């Protein structure tokens, strides 16, 4: 018995022979395949929502430049370096940094705003503030739990790059003028955990830039960007320019460097009064003799300590040859 398909084919052939146009048979309809369950790949957090994609913010240092410090040359000039043998001065800076770090990490007696922003200044030029700033930064960089940024905020007479043997370049003032971004002017160093921010090009309205909303916003960002970071500002002398007084209003801690047997007591008192609104101050006696002397007339002895006036302090101040 002939099948229906064979009969249909014979009938079509008969029609074609009779001259009837039977047309092209339609293509068969596609057969829908049965859906197969394929496990979807796990999505990264940034792929989870197309309508509202997550933003990945790179660290501030992602575009920073790396520089090599000549550590041997720095050690020869009396600066602390990571691999230097233990010394009296290194131990002195350990004593100096310890309360500063405790306060910066809000482990002190009271919580401070911007506690990790520490300004190092002096009453007059040549008392060793830049020497102290660099050594303090080097000492903090040796910590296991903290990183440190050293900012050359002495915009009138910057010295940090010169001390480190580095060429001049853009920095803080250029960022405030919005000519460059922060990441592009930061300098990573061959000292682990130490980053530099130069002062940048000189500007006739540097004081106004430091007092601007841009500076306030930048300092807030710097203070809160990394919880383990301590930022040291080498600032101008308090009695020489107004920039340091403006900076002090943003700081959580201020270190006032006083050169032993040189700076008049009245100058120190005037400098302390200029930053009376800063919540916490340290007075650090630089180039002090190991032997107490009754003829200096400061009333707080040879050492360093916290206070608003000239109360008794203890400890020893660094004996390095800092003059900057």
Protein backbone atom coordinates (compact mmCIF):
# COMPACT_ATOMS: atom_id res chain seq x y z
CA UNK A 1 0.00 0.00 0.00
CA UNK A 2 1.30 3.28 -1.07
CA UNK A 3 1.85 5.77 1.71
CA UNK A 4 0.13 9.14 1.75
CA UNK A 5 3.45 10.94 1.21
CA UNK A 6 4.20 8.87 -1.87
CA UNK A 7 0.70 9.48 -3.24
CA UNK A 8 1.10 13.23 -2.70
CA UNK A 9 4.44 13.25 -4.48
CA UNK A 10 2.97 11.34 -7.44
CA UNK A 11 0.05 13.78 -7.64
CA UNK A 12 2.43 16.79 -7.68
CA UNK A 13 4.45 15.22 -10.43
CA UNK A 14 1.30 14.64 -12.52
CA UNK A 15 0.28 18.30 -12.05
CA UNK A 16 3.72 19.53 -13.13
CA UNK A 17 3.56 17.37 -16.27
CA UNK A 18 0.14 18.85 -17.03
CA UNK A 19 1.68 22.36 -16.96
CA UNK A 20 0.18 23.44 -13.64
CA UNK A 21 2.40 25.79 -11.55
CA UNK A 22 2.39 24.28 -8.13
CA UNK A 23 4.90 26.88 -6.68
CA UNK A 24 7.77 26.36 -4.27
CA UNK A 25 6.83 24.42 -1.23
CA UNK A 26 7.07 26.48 1.92
CA UNK A 27 10.05 26.00 4.16
CA UNK A 28 9.31 23.91 7.18
CA UNK A 29 8.55 25.89 10.32
CA UNK A 30 11.44 25.95 12.80
CA UNK A 31 11.07 23.63 15.65
CA UNK A 32 11.39 25.34 19.05
CA UNK A 33 14.09 23.65 21.03
CA UNK A 34 13.35 22.76 24.57
CA UNK A 35 14.90 25.30 26.99
CA UNK A 36 18.03 24.11 28.72
CA UNK A 37 18.83 25.47 32.18
CA UNK A 38 22.41 26.77 32.13
CA UNK A 39 23.80 28.10 35.42
CA UNK A 40 24.49 31.84 35.09
CA UNK A 41 28.06 32.90 35.95
CA UNK A 42 28.48 34.68 39.24
CA UNK A 43 28.44 38.44 38.67
CA UNK A 44 31.09 40.72 40.10
CA UNK A 45 29.69 43.42 42.42
CA UNK A 46 30.14 46.04 39.72
CA UNK A 47 28.03 43.97 37.26
CA UNK A 48 25.15 43.32 39.58
CA UNK A 49 22.97 46.23 38.42
CA UNK A 50 23.16 47.66 34.92
CA UNK A 51 20.80 50.54 35.70
CA UNK A 52 22.97 51.75 38.60
CA UNK A 53 26.54 50.51 38.09
CA UNK A 54 28.87 50.61 41.06
CA UNK A 55 31.78 53.04 40.84
CA UNK A 56 35.26 51.79 41.63
CA UNK A 57 37.38 54.60 43.04
CA UNK A 58 41.10 54.16 42.64
CA UNK A 59 43.34 55.03 45.58
CA UNK A 60 44.70 58.57 45.62
CA UNK A 61 48.19 57.27 44.93
CA UNK A 62 47.25 55.32 41.80
CA UNK A 63 48.76 57.93 39.48
CA UNK A 64 51.58 59.04 41.71
CA UNK A 65 55.22 59.12 40.68
CA UNK A 66 57.91 57.08 42.42
CA UNK A 67 61.17 58.74 43.45
CA UNK A 68 64.36 57.27 44.87
CA UNK A 69 65.76 58.95 47.98
CA UNK A 70 69.50 58.78 48.56
CA UNK A 71 69.28 57.29 52.03
CA UNK A 72 73.04 57.26 52.55
CA UNK A 73 73.26 60.99 51.80
CA UNK A 74 70.34 61.69 54.15
CA UNK A 75 71.96 59.68 56.94
CA UNK A 76 75.20 61.63 56.43
CA UNK A 77 73.25 64.85 56.98
CA UNK A 78 71.87 63.60 60.28
CA UNK A 79 68.45 62.40 59.15
CA UNK A 80 66.86 59.16 60.27
CA UNK A 81 66.76 56.39 57.67
CA UNK A 82 65.02 53.00 57.76
CA UNK A 83 68.14 50.82 57.99
CA UNK A 84 70.22 53.04 60.25
CA UNK A 85 71.48 51.47 63.47
CA UNK A 86 69.76 52.35 66.70
CA UNK A 87 70.80 55.75 68.03
CA UNK A 88 69.96 58.23 70.76
CA UNK A 89 68.21 60.51 68.28
CA UNK A 90 66.14 57.62 66.87
CA UNK A 91 65.00 56.76 70.39
CA UNK A 92 64.15 60.41 71.05
CA UNK A 93 61.91 60.51 68.00
CA UNK A 94 60.27 57.28 69.15
CA UNK A 95 59.36 59.05 72.36
CA UNK A 96 58.12 62.09 70.45
CA UNK A 97 55.97 60.20 67.95
CA UNK A 98 54.28 57.86 70.41
CA UNK A 99 51.73 60.33 71.90
CA UNK A 100 51.20 61.88 68.46
CA UNK A 101 50.27 58.48 67.01
CA UNK A 102 48.00 57.64 69.93
CA UNK A 103 46.11 60.90 69.43
CA UNK A 104 46.06 60.49 65.64
CA UNK A 105 44.39 57.09 66.02
CA UNK A 106 41.97 58.54 68.58
CA UNK A 107 43.46 56.47 71.37
CA UNK A 108 44.35 59.48 73.50
CA UNK A 109 42.51 61.03 76.40
CA UNK A 110 39.95 62.69 74.12
CA UNK A 111 38.79 62.42 70.54
CA UNK A 112 40.05 65.17 68.22
CA UNK A 113 38.86 66.35 64.83
CA UNK A 114 41.53 65.80 62.19
CA UNK A 115 43.75 64.25 64.85
CA UNK A 116 45.90 62.62 62.17
CA UNK A 117 46.78 66.04 60.68
CA UNK A 118 49.92 67.22 62.50
CA UNK A 119 51.51 70.59 61.79
CA UNK A 120 55.18 71.13 62.61
CA UNK A 121 56.13 74.80 62.93
CA UNK A 122 58.32 77.19 64.89
CA UNK A 123 58.26 80.76 66.11
CA UNK A 124 61.10 81.93 63.85
CA UNK A 125 63.11 80.54 60.91
CA UNK A 126 66.12 78.31 61.51
CA UNK A 127 64.85 76.48 64.59
CA UNK A 128 64.78 73.04 62.98
CA UNK A 129 61.11 72.56 62.01
CA UNK A 130 61.84 71.02 58.59
CA UNK A 131 64.55 68.80 60.10
CA UNK A 132 62.00 67.71 62.72
CA UNK A 133 59.24 67.18 60.13
CA UNK A 134 61.34 64.86 58.00
CA UNK A 135 62.73 62.88 60.92
CA UNK A 136 59.27 62.55 62.46
CA UNK A 137 57.90 61.28 59.15
CA UNK A 138 60.77 58.82 58.79
CA UNK A 139 60.18 57.56 62.32
CA UNK A 140 56.44 57.08 61.76
CA UNK A 141 57.14 55.29 58.47
CA UNK A 142 58.89 52.60 60.53
CA UNK A 143 55.59 51.77 62.27
CA UNK A 144 53.90 48.48 61.41
CA UNK A 145 50.37 49.86 61.60
CA UNK A 146 50.64 53.34 60.10
CA UNK A 147 51.56 55.08 56.88
CA UNK A 148 52.69 58.69 56.67
CA UNK A 149 52.48 61.55 54.19
CA UNK A 150 54.90 64.48 54.49
CA UNK A 151 53.49 67.72 53.10
CA UNK A 152 55.70 70.73 52.36
CA UNK A 153 53.25 73.43 53.43
CA UNK A 154 55.94 76.09 53.79
CA UNK A 155 54.71 77.62 50.56
CA UNK A 156 56.76 80.80 51.00
CA UNK A 157 60.11 79.02 51.45
CA UNK A 158 59.68 75.34 50.52
CA UNK A 159 62.64 73.16 51.47
CA UNK A 160 61.50 69.55 51.49
CA UNK A 161 62.48 68.63 47.92
CA UNK A 162 65.80 70.43 48.29
CA UNK A 163 66.60 68.56 51.51
CA UNK A 164 65.78 65.28 49.82
CA UNK A 165 67.82 66.06 46.73
CA UNK A 166 64.78 66.08 44.44
CA UNK A 167 64.00 68.56 41.64
CA UNK A 168 61.17 71.09 42.07
CA UNK A 169 57.75 70.17 40.78
CA UNK A 170 54.00 70.73 41.15
CA UNK A 171 52.29 70.15 44.46
CA UNK A 172 49.83 71.48 47.00
CA UNK A 173 49.24 74.95 45.54
CA UNK A 174 48.72 73.53 42.06
CA UNK A 175 46.08 71.16 43.44
CA UNK A 176 44.29 74.03 45.19
CA UNK A 177 44.27 76.01 41.94
CA UNK A 178 42.70 72.91 40.34
CA UNK A 179 45.44 72.79 37.70
CA UNK A 180 46.35 69.19 38.58
CA UNK A 181 44.79 66.41 40.58
CA UNK A 182 46.14 65.16 43.85
CA UNK A 183 47.30 61.80 42.57
CA UNK A 184 49.50 63.28 39.85
CA UNK A 185 51.66 65.32 42.28
CA UNK A 186 52.16 62.77 45.05
CA UNK A 187 55.61 61.22 45.24
CA UNK A 188 55.96 57.64 46.45
CA UNK A 189 59.40 56.91 47.84
CA UNK A 190 61.71 53.97 48.34
CA UNK A 191 60.96 54.32 52.06
CA UNK A 192 58.04 52.00 52.66
CA UNK A 193 54.91 53.80 53.86
CA UNK A 194 56.31 57.31 53.17
CA UNK A 195 54.65 59.54 50.55
CA UNK A 196 55.55 63.16 49.77
CA UNK A 197 53.39 66.10 48.72
CA UNK A 198 55.53 69.06 47.57
CA UNK A 199 54.41 72.66 48.02
CA UNK A 200 54.16 73.32 44.29
CA UNK A 201 54.75 76.52 42.38
CA UNK A 202 54.81 79.78 44.34
CA UNK A 203 51.64 81.83 44.26
CA UNK A 204 51.07 85.49 45.25
CA UNK A 205 47.83 84.57 47.01
CA UNK A 206 49.08 81.47 48.79
CA UNK A 207 47.49 82.53 52.09
CA UNK A 208 44.09 82.87 50.45
CA UNK A 209 44.48 79.47 48.81
CA UNK A 210 45.27 77.86 52.16
CA UNK A 211 42.22 79.56 53.68
CA UNK A 212 39.91 78.58 50.80
CA UNK A 213 37.06 76.09 50.76
CA UNK A 214 39.17 74.02 48.38
CA UNK A 215 41.79 73.63 51.11
CA UNK A 216 39.19 72.67 53.69
CA UNK A 217 37.78 70.05 51.36
CA UNK A 218 41.23 68.73 50.50
CA UNK A 219 42.20 68.40 54.16
CA UNK A 220 38.95 66.59 54.95
CA UNK A 221 39.68 64.18 52.13
CA UNK A 222 43.28 63.67 53.26
CA UNK A 223 42.28 63.15 56.88
CA UNK A 224 39.59 60.59 56.10
CA UNK A 225 40.95 58.80 53.00
CA UNK A 226 42.92 56.17 54.90
CA UNK A 227 42.31 55.41 58.58
CA UNK A 228 45.92 54.37 59.20
CA UNK A 229 47.55 57.43 57.62
CA UNK A 230 49.24 60.23 59.57
CA UNK A 231 49.95 63.46 57.69
CA UNK A 232 52.82 65.74 58.72
CA UNK A 233 52.71 69.37 57.53
CA UNK A 234 56.00 71.26 57.49
CA UNK A 235 54.56 74.77 57.81
CA UNK A 236 56.03 78.29 57.82
CA UNK A 237 57.21 79.92 61.08
CA UNK A 238 54.31 81.35 63.07
CA UNK A 239 55.79 84.84 63.47
CA UNK A 240 57.01 85.21 59.90
CA UNK A 241 53.93 84.62 57.75
CA UNK A 242 50.18 84.16 58.17
CA UNK A 243 49.96 80.84 56.31
CA UNK A 244 50.84 78.76 59.35
CA UNK A 245 48.09 80.36 61.43
CA UNK A 246 45.58 79.52 58.71
CA UNK A 247 46.85 75.94 58.55
CA UNK A 248 46.74 75.57 62.33
CA UNK A 249 42.99 76.15 62.30
CA UNK A 250 42.56 72.88 60.35
CA UNK A 251 45.01 70.76 62.35
CA UNK A 252 44.31 68.29 65.11
CA UNK A 253 47.81 68.59 66.60
CA UNK A 254 50.59 71.19 66.37
CA UNK A 255 54.27 70.71 67.21
CA UNK A 256 56.16 73.97 67.87
CA UNK A 257 59.91 73.51 67.51
CA UNK A 258 62.04 75.80 69.69
CA UNK A 259 65.81 75.97 69.33
CA UNK A 260 67.50 75.73 72.70
CA UNK A 261 69.36 78.77 74.02
CA UNK A 262 68.45 80.85 70.99
CA UNK A 263 64.74 81.67 70.76
CA UNK A 264 63.53 84.32 73.18
CA UNK A 265 60.82 83.33 75.59
CA UNK A 266 58.64 86.22 74.40
CA UNK A 267 58.79 84.89 70.82
CA UNK A 268 57.69 81.44 71.96
CA UNK A 269 54.84 82.92 73.98
CA UNK A 270 53.72 84.98 71.00
CA UNK A 271 53.87 81.94 68.72
CA UNK A 272 51.81 79.82 71.13
CA UNK A 273 49.24 82.60 71.41
CA UNK A 274 48.89 82.69 67.61
CA UNK A 275 47.57 79.14 67.59
CA UNK A 276 45.59 79.21 70.80
CA UNK A 277 42.54 77.73 69.07
CA UNK A 278 44.35 74.53 68.12
CA UNK A 279 43.10 71.77 70.45
CA UNK A 280 46.48 70.16 71.15
CA UNK A 281 50.02 71.51 71.06
CA UNK A 282 53.46 70.08 71.68
CA UNK A 283 56.51 72.20 72.41
CA UNK A 284 59.69 70.47 71.27
CA UNK A 285 63.07 71.82 72.36
CA UNK A 286 65.59 71.23 69.58
CA UNK A 287 69.39 70.99 69.96
CA UNK A 288 69.02 70.83 73.71
CA UNK A 289 71.88 69.91 75.98
CA UNK A 290 71.66 66.66 77.90
CA UNK A 291 72.60 68.56 81.02
CA UNK A 292 69.85 70.62 82.65
CA UNK A 293 70.62 74.26 82.99
CA UNK A 294 68.97 76.80 85.20
CA UNK A 295 69.93 79.77 83.08
CA UNK A 296 67.61 79.30 80.13
CA UNK A 297 64.59 80.71 81.87
CA UNK A 298 61.83 78.77 80.13
CA UNK A 299 60.31 77.22 83.19
CA UNK A 300 59.34 73.99 81.41
CA UNK A 301 62.83 72.50 81.34
CA UNK A 302 64.68 70.77 78.53
CA UNK A 303 62.24 68.47 76.88
CA UNK A 304 58.95 68.26 75.13
CA UNK A 305 55.37 67.92 76.21
CA UNK A 306 51.80 68.96 75.69
CA UNK A 307 50.30 72.08 77.06
CA UNK A 308 48.86 75.48 76.39
CA UNK A 309 51.33 77.33 78.53
CA UNK A 310 54.70 76.55 79.99
CA UNK A 311 53.95 73.82 82.45
CA UNK A 312 56.61 71.35 83.51
CA UNK A 313 57.46 68.70 80.89
CA UNK A 314 59.69 65.69 80.79
CA UNK A 315 61.79 63.74 78.35
CA UNK A 316 64.52 64.82 75.98
CA UNK A 317 64.34 66.69 72.71
CA UNK A 318 66.29 65.70 69.60
CA UNK A 319 69.88 66.85 69.43
CA UNK A 320 70.17 66.84 65.64
CA UNK A 321 71.66 69.72 63.66
CA UNK A 322 68.33 70.77 62.16
CA UNK A 323 68.40 74.35 60.92
CA UNK A 324 65.63 74.40 58.35
